[in-house]
Amino acid sequence: MSTTGSVGAPALKVLVIDDSNTIRRSAEIFLKQGGHEVFLAEDGFDALCKVHDYQPHLIFCDILMPRLDGYQTCAIIKRNARFCSVPIVMLSSKDGLFDKARGRMVGSQDYLTKPFTKDQLLQTVRQFGAITQGSV
């Protein structure tokens, strides 16, 4: 029996990586309201363990974090053959062309500017949901 998220879409396992408790909690509330299973990580090192443990279908990753930034975290995840097909969406408070390009260079599929709305977050999940259901 498969669970479904909003609008009949399959529920996804989503990992949110952000050093801001406010952003993590907002994303968690929005995603759970959309019917998705949510895992939270406060930095890149925490995220690497959770990617392995929970095998998410989609990852949202902040760029500016202590210890291991979002670009480094994304690159490490993408180098692992087991997780290289998992879409990663970078999160940043800056909407810069350089940040978007650098994110693409390390393997991210998209970019979401903070603060994001519930609709923006769930639309991004829907966008990648169809892709990930076939790959994991």
C-alpha atoms as a PDB file:
ATOM      1  CA  MET A   1       0.000   0.000   0.000  1.00  0.00           C
ATOM      2  CA  SER A   2       1.580   3.240  -1.093  1.00  0.00           C
ATOM      3  CA  THR A   3       1.002   6.525   0.668  1.00  0.00           C
ATOM      4  CA  THR A   4       0.230   9.577  -1.370  1.00  0.00           C
ATOM      5  CA  GLY A   5       1.068  13.195  -0.941  1.00  0.00           C
ATOM      6  CA  SER A   6      -1.010  16.161  -2.022  1.00  0.00           C
ATOM      7  CA  VAL A   7      -2.982  16.025  -5.251  1.00  0.00           C
ATOM      8  CA  GLY A   8      -2.622  12.244  -5.439  1.00  0.00           C
ATOM      9  CA  ALA A   9       1.129  12.412  -6.002  1.00  0.00           C
ATOM     10  CA  PRO A  10       3.215   9.713  -4.336  1.00  0.00           C
ATOM     11  CA  ALA A  11       4.622  10.706  -0.952  1.00  0.00           C
ATOM     12  CA  LEU A  12       8.366  11.273  -1.092  1.00  0.00           C
ATOM     13  CA  LYS A  13      11.144  11.020   1.470  1.00  0.00           C
ATOM     14  CA  VAL A  14      12.642  14.503   1.566  1.00  0.00           C
ATOM     15  CA  LEU A  15      15.826  15.559   3.379  1.00  0.00           C
ATOM     16  CA  VAL A  16      16.174  19.239   4.315  1.00  0.00           C
ATOM     17  CA  ILE A  17      19.714  20.383   5.146  1.00  0.00           C
ATOM     18  CA  ASP A  18      19.983  23.848   6.673  1.00  0.00           C
ATOM     19  CA  ASP A  19      21.802  25.315   9.668  1.00  0.00           C
ATOM     20  CA  SER A  20      18.797  27.564  10.374  1.00  0.00           C
ATOM     21  CA  ASN A  21      16.320  25.918  12.713  1.00  0.00           C
ATOM     22  CA  THR A  22      13.610  28.269  11.381  1.00  0.00           C
ATOM     23  CA  ILE A  23      14.146  27.188   7.766  1.00  0.00           C
ATOM     24  CA  ARG A  24      14.300  23.490   8.723  1.00  0.00           C
ATOM     25  CA  ARG A  25      11.076  23.695  10.730  1.00  0.00           C
ATOM     26  CA  SER A  26       9.235  25.742   8.073  1.00  0.00           C
ATOM     27  CA  ALA A  27      10.228  23.273   5.371  1.00  0.00           C
ATOM     28  CA  GLU A  28       9.240  20.361   7.616  1.00  0.00           C
ATOM     29  CA  ILE A  29       5.760  21.810   8.250  1.00  0.00           C
ATOM     30  CA  PHE A  30       5.167  22.622   4.560  1.00  0.00           C
ATOM     31  CA  LEU A  31       6.379  19.219   3.365  1.00  0.00           C
ATOM     32  CA  LYS A  32       4.380  17.282   5.956  1.00  0.00           C
ATOM     33  CA  GLN A  33       1.282  19.280   4.984  1.00  0.00           C
ATOM     34  CA  GLY A  34       2.008  18.095   1.447  1.00  0.00           C
ATOM     35  CA  GLY A  35       1.976  14.499   2.702  1.00  0.00           C
ATOM     36  CA  HIS A  36       5.711  13.840   2.493  1.00  0.00           C
ATOM     37  CA  GLU A  37       8.077  12.100   4.903  1.00  0.00           C
ATOM     38  CA  VAL A  38      10.651  14.618   6.134  1.00  0.00           C
ATOM     39  CA  PHE A  39      14.147  14.238   7.568  1.00  0.00           C
ATOM     40  CA  LEU A  40      16.187  17.171   8.863  1.00  0.00           C
ATOM     41  CA  ALA A  41      19.935  17.780   9.018  1.00  0.00           C
ATOM     42  CA  GLU A  42      21.615  20.833  10.512  1.00  0.00           C
ATOM     43  CA  ASP A  43      24.845  20.656   8.505  1.00  0.00           C
ATOM     44  CA  GLY A  44      26.611  18.725   5.773  1.00  0.00           C
ATOM     45  CA  PHE A  45      28.164  16.118   8.050  1.00  0.00           C
ATOM     46  CA  ASP A  46      24.810  15.369   9.676  1.00  0.00           C
ATOM     47  CA  ALA A  47      23.288  15.189   6.180  1.00  0.00           C
ATOM     48  CA  LEU A  48      25.766  12.607   4.885  1.00  0.00           C
ATOM     49  CA  CYS A  49      24.743  10.188   7.641  1.00  0.00           C
ATOM     50  CA  LYS A  50      21.047  10.800   7.031  1.00  0.00           C
ATOM     51  CA  VAL A  51      21.328  10.362   3.260  1.00  0.00           C
ATOM     52  CA  HIS A  52      22.832   6.939   3.909  1.00  0.00           C
ATOM     53  CA  ASP A  53      20.336   5.994   6.641  1.00  0.00           C
ATOM     54  CA  TYR A  54      17.087   7.242   5.073  1.00  0.00           C
ATOM     55  CA  GLN A  55      17.805   7.197   1.306  1.00  0.00           C
ATOM     56  CA  PRO A  56      15.696  10.258   0.452  1.00  0.00           C
ATOM     57  CA  HIS A  57      14.025  10.748  -2.932  1.00  0.00           C
ATOM     58  CA  LEU A  58      14.835  14.485  -2.914  1.00  0.00           C
ATOM     59  CA  ILE A  59      17.262  16.727  -1.006  1.00  0.00           C
ATOM     60  CA  PHE A  60      17.049  20.459  -0.246  1.00  0.00           C
ATOM     61  CA  CYS A  61      20.480  21.786   0.736  1.00  0.00           C
ATOM     62  CA  ASP A  62      21.431  25.203   2.092  1.00  0.00           C
ATOM     63  CA  ILE A  63      24.570  26.721   0.577  1.00  0.00           C
ATOM     64  CA  LEU A  64      26.028  28.653   3.508  1.00  0.00           C
ATOM     65  CA  MET A  65      26.616  26.275   6.427  1.00  0.00           C
ATOM     66  CA  PRO A  66      29.461  25.846   8.913  1.00  0.00           C
ATOM     67  CA  ARG A  67      31.999  23.016   8.620  1.00  0.00           C
ATOM     68  CA  LEU A  68      30.809  21.605   5.263  1.00  0.00           C
ATOM     69  CA  ASP A  69      29.000  24.011   2.938  1.00  0.00           C
ATOM     70  CA  GLY A  70      26.192  23.106   0.557  1.00  0.00           C
ATOM     71  CA  TYR A  71      28.427  22.885  -2.510  1.00  0.00           C
ATOM     72  CA  GLN A  72      30.765  20.431  -0.769  1.00  0.00           C
ATOM     73  CA  THR A  73      27.838  18.425   0.615  1.00  0.00           C
ATOM     74  CA  CYS A  74      26.197  18.210  -2.815  1.00  0.00           C
ATOM     75  CA  ALA A  75      29.459  17.153  -4.492  1.00  0.00           C
ATOM     76  CA  ILE A  76      30.057  14.367  -1.933  1.00  0.00           C
ATOM     77  CA  ILE A  77      26.515  13.017  -2.303  1.00  0.00           C
ATOM     78  CA  LYS A  78      26.724  13.116  -6.109  1.00  0.00           C
ATOM     79  CA  ARG A  79      30.054  11.215  -6.083  1.00  0.00           C
ATOM     80  CA  ASN A  80      28.373   8.248  -4.383  1.00  0.00           C
ATOM     81  CA  ALA A  81      27.022   5.896  -7.077  1.00  0.00           C
ATOM     82  CA  ARG A  82      24.137   4.914  -4.814  1.00  0.00           C
ATOM     83  CA  PHE A  83      22.860   8.486  -4.468  1.00  0.00           C
ATOM     84  CA  CYS A  84      24.079  10.228  -7.637  1.00  0.00           C
ATOM     85  CA  SER A  85      20.602  10.184  -9.200  1.00  0.00           C
ATOM     86  CA  VAL A  86      18.878  11.795  -6.188  1.00  0.00           C
ATOM     87  CA  PRO A  87      17.877  15.365  -7.141  1.00  0.00           C
ATOM     88  CA  ILE A  88      19.417  18.081  -4.976  1.00  0.00           C
ATOM     89  CA  VAL A  89      17.895  21.567  -4.829  1.00  0.00           C
ATOM     90  CA  MET A  90      20.164  24.247  -3.410  1.00  0.00           C
ATOM     91  CA  LEU A  91      18.703  26.759  -0.929  1.00  0.00           C
ATOM     92  CA  SER A  92      20.101  30.263  -0.610  1.00  0.00           C
ATOM     93  CA  SER A  93      19.071  33.697   0.546  1.00  0.00           C
ATOM     94  CA  LYS A  94      20.948  35.096  -2.478  1.00  0.00           C
ATOM     95  CA  ASP A  95      19.463  34.836  -5.959  1.00  0.00           C
ATOM     96  CA  GLY A  96      22.742  35.137  -7.787  1.00  0.00           C
ATOM     97  CA  LEU A  97      23.690  33.750 -11.183  1.00  0.00           C
ATOM     98  CA  PHE A  98      27.109  32.697  -9.839  1.00  0.00           C
ATOM     99  CA  ASP A  99      25.547  30.666  -7.012  1.00  0.00           C
ATOM    100  CA  LYS A 100      23.170  28.926  -9.424  1.00  0.00           C
ATOM    101  CA  ALA A 101      25.992  28.097 -11.833  1.00  0.00           C
ATOM    102  CA  ARG A 102      28.243  26.820  -9.063  1.00  0.00           C
ATOM    103  CA  GLY A 103      25.391  24.664  -7.757  1.00  0.00           C
ATOM    104  CA  ARG A 104      24.945  23.110 -11.204  1.00  0.00           C
ATOM    105  CA  MET A 105      28.689  22.441 -11.403  1.00  0.00           C
ATOM    106  CA  VAL A 106      28.555  20.283  -8.259  1.00  0.00           C
ATOM    107  CA  GLY A 107      25.458  18.426  -9.450  1.00  0.00           C
ATOM    108  CA  SER A 108      22.402  20.242  -8.105  1.00  0.00           C
ATOM    109  CA  GLN A 109      19.304  20.136 -10.280  1.00  0.00           C
ATOM    110  CA  ASP A 110      17.651  23.363  -9.165  1.00  0.00           C
ATOM    111  CA  TYR A 111      17.858  26.392  -6.897  1.00  0.00           C
ATOM    112  CA  LEU A 112      15.281  27.827  -4.498  1.00  0.00           C
ATOM    113  CA  THR A 113      15.655  31.282  -2.972  1.00  0.00           C
ATOM    114  CA  LYS A 114      14.919  31.728   0.748  1.00  0.00           C
ATOM    115  CA  PRO A 115      12.563  32.609   2.210  1.00  0.00           C
ATOM    116  CA  PHE A 116      10.404  30.268   0.140  1.00  0.00           C
ATOM    117  CA  THR A 117       6.650  29.846   0.309  1.00  0.00           C
ATOM    118  CA  LYS A 118       4.785  26.614   0.912  1.00  0.00           C
ATOM    119  CA  ASP A 119       3.643  26.668  -2.731  1.00  0.00           C
ATOM    120  CA  GLN A 120       7.189  27.163  -4.045  1.00  0.00           C
ATOM    121  CA  LEU A 121       8.516  24.301  -1.934  1.00  0.00           C
ATOM    122  CA  LEU A 122       5.724  21.869  -2.825  1.00  0.00           C
ATOM    123  CA  GLN A 123       5.897  22.821  -6.515  1.00  0.00           C
ATOM    124  CA  THR A 124       9.610  21.957  -6.483  1.00  0.00           C
ATOM    125  CA  VAL A 125       8.824  18.611  -4.837  1.00  0.00           C
ATOM    126  CA  ARG A 126       6.168  17.881  -7.499  1.00  0.00           C
ATOM    127  CA  GLN A 127       8.617  18.854 -10.239  1.00  0.00           C
ATOM    128  CA  PHE A 128      11.154  16.258  -9.099  1.00  0.00           C
ATOM    129  CA  GLY A 129       8.718  13.700  -7.700  1.00  0.00           C
ATOM    130  CA  ALA A 130       7.956  12.062 -11.029  1.00  0.00           C
ATOM    131  CA  ILE A 131      11.660  11.736 -11.800  1.00  0.00           C
ATOM    132  CA  THR A 132      12.665  10.240  -8.462  1.00  0.00           C
ATOM    133  CA  GLN A 133       9.864   7.695  -8.152  1.00  0.00           C
ATOM    134  CA  GLY A 134      11.377   5.724 -11.002  1.00  0.00           C
ATOM    135  CA  SER A 135      14.994   5.929  -9.864  1.00  0.00           C
ATOM    136  CA  VAL A 136      15.067   4.936  -6.184  1.00  0.00           C
END
